[in-house]
């Protein structure tokens, strides 16, 4: 199963697997950091992203949450 890049900005890459496990989430990476982020509440499920990059990810996700 390959992970599609759905967005990239400011060195942040957002990816999703088609048919990935529950809870619904996306994968975010920034430099050497990576995390799984819940689509429902935009919290980190697993991993770590520095706070400034995480703020950009949460802002991006809140804009695209309905998609």
C-alpha atoms as a PDB file:
ATOM      1  CA  UNK A   1       0.000   0.000   0.000  1.00  0.00           C
ATOM      2  CA  UNK A   2       1.579   3.297  -1.054  1.00  0.00           C
ATOM      3  CA  UNK A   3       1.122   6.598   0.713  1.00  0.00           C
ATOM      4  CA  UNK A   4      -0.048   9.470  -1.496  1.00  0.00           C
ATOM      5  CA  UNK A   5       1.284  12.967  -0.905  1.00  0.00           C
ATOM      6  CA  UNK A   6      -1.778  15.170  -0.613  1.00  0.00           C
ATOM      7  CA  UNK A   7      -0.069  18.463   0.286  1.00  0.00           C
ATOM      8  CA  UNK A   8       3.316  20.030   0.929  1.00  0.00           C
ATOM      9  CA  UNK A   9       4.140  23.471   2.329  1.00  0.00           C
ATOM     10  CA  UNK A  10       7.014  25.101   4.273  1.00  0.00           C
ATOM     11  CA  UNK A  11       8.937  21.816   4.306  1.00  0.00           C
ATOM     12  CA  UNK A  12       5.949  19.918   5.709  1.00  0.00           C
ATOM     13  CA  UNK A  13       4.613  16.918   3.791  1.00  0.00           C
ATOM     14  CA  UNK A  14       1.110  15.561   4.368  1.00  0.00           C
ATOM     15  CA  UNK A  15       0.411  11.974   3.260  1.00  0.00           C
ATOM     16  CA  UNK A  16      -2.483   9.518   3.480  1.00  0.00           C
ATOM     17  CA  UNK A  17      -2.830   5.805   2.873  1.00  0.00           C
ATOM     18  CA  UNK A  18      -5.931   4.692   0.998  1.00  0.00           C
ATOM     19  CA  UNK A  19      -7.914   2.438   3.335  1.00  0.00           C
ATOM     20  CA  UNK A  20      -5.604   3.026   6.334  1.00  0.00           C
ATOM     21  CA  UNK A  21      -6.592   1.836   9.817  1.00  0.00           C
ATOM     22  CA  UNK A  22      -8.991   3.575  12.182  1.00  0.00           C
ATOM     23  CA  UNK A  23      -9.019   6.212  13.654  1.00  0.00           C
ATOM     24  CA  UNK A  24      -9.061   8.366  10.519  1.00  0.00           C
ATOM     25  CA  UNK A  25      -5.769  10.200  10.320  1.00  0.00           C
ATOM     26  CA  UNK A  26      -3.066  11.597   8.066  1.00  0.00           C
ATOM     27  CA  UNK A  27       0.713  11.405   8.276  1.00  0.00           C
ATOM     28  CA  UNK A  28       2.721  14.608   8.608  1.00  0.00           C
ATOM     29  CA  UNK A  29       6.480  14.903   8.286  1.00  0.00           C
ATOM     30  CA  UNK A  30       8.800  17.829   8.822  1.00  0.00           C
ATOM     31  CA  UNK A  31      12.578  17.474   8.629  1.00  0.00           C
ATOM     32  CA  UNK A  32      13.422  14.347  10.649  1.00  0.00           C
ATOM     33  CA  UNK A  33      10.111  14.453  12.566  1.00  0.00           C
ATOM     34  CA  UNK A  34       6.890  12.630  11.745  1.00  0.00           C
ATOM     35  CA  UNK A  35       3.492  12.059  13.320  1.00  0.00           C
ATOM     36  CA  UNK A  36       0.064  10.618  12.711  1.00  0.00           C
ATOM     37  CA  UNK A  37      -2.614  13.291  13.196  1.00  0.00           C
ATOM     38  CA  UNK A  38      -6.279  12.578  13.905  1.00  0.00           C
ATOM     39  CA  UNK A  39      -8.644  14.031  11.303  1.00  0.00           C
ATOM     40  CA  UNK A  40     -11.454  14.238  13.871  1.00  0.00           C
ATOM     41  CA  UNK A  41      -9.759  16.278  16.613  1.00  0.00           C
ATOM     42  CA  UNK A  42      -6.410  17.242  14.956  1.00  0.00           C
ATOM     43  CA  UNK A  43      -4.447  15.782  17.864  1.00  0.00           C
ATOM     44  CA  UNK A  44      -1.283  13.739  17.495  1.00  0.00           C
ATOM     45  CA  UNK A  45      -1.997  10.009  17.670  1.00  0.00           C
ATOM     46  CA  UNK A  46       1.622   8.893  17.394  1.00  0.00           C
ATOM     47  CA  UNK A  47       4.983  10.600  16.854  1.00  0.00           C
ATOM     48  CA  UNK A  48       6.247  14.151  17.321  1.00  0.00           C
ATOM     49  CA  UNK A  49       6.297  17.379  15.301  1.00  0.00           C
ATOM     50  CA  UNK A  50       7.871  20.588  16.702  1.00  0.00           C
ATOM     51  CA  UNK A  51       5.248  23.062  17.967  1.00  0.00           C
ATOM     52  CA  UNK A  52       5.678  25.713  15.234  1.00  0.00           C
ATOM     53  CA  UNK A  53       5.353  23.124  12.441  1.00  0.00           C
ATOM     54  CA  UNK A  54       2.453  21.482  14.266  1.00  0.00           C
ATOM     55  CA  UNK A  55       0.615  24.816  14.397  1.00  0.00           C
ATOM     56  CA  UNK A  56       0.911  25.086  10.589  1.00  0.00           C
ATOM     57  CA  UNK A  57      -0.289  21.495  10.193  1.00  0.00           C
ATOM     58  CA  UNK A  58      -3.309  22.090  12.438  1.00  0.00           C
ATOM     59  CA  UNK A  59      -4.136  25.281  10.524  1.00  0.00           C
ATOM     60  CA  UNK A  60      -3.897  23.416   7.190  1.00  0.00           C
ATOM     61  CA  UNK A  61      -5.989  20.526   8.537  1.00  0.00           C
ATOM     62  CA  UNK A  62      -8.703  22.769   9.934  1.00  0.00           C
ATOM     63  CA  UNK A  63      -9.106  24.396   6.514  1.00  0.00           C
ATOM     64  CA  UNK A  64      -9.307  20.972   4.789  1.00  0.00           C
ATOM     65  CA  UNK A  65     -11.055  18.951   7.523  1.00  0.00           C
ATOM     66  CA  UNK A  66     -14.342  18.561   5.592  1.00  0.00           C
ATOM     67  CA  UNK A  67     -12.512  17.151   2.571  1.00  0.00           C
END
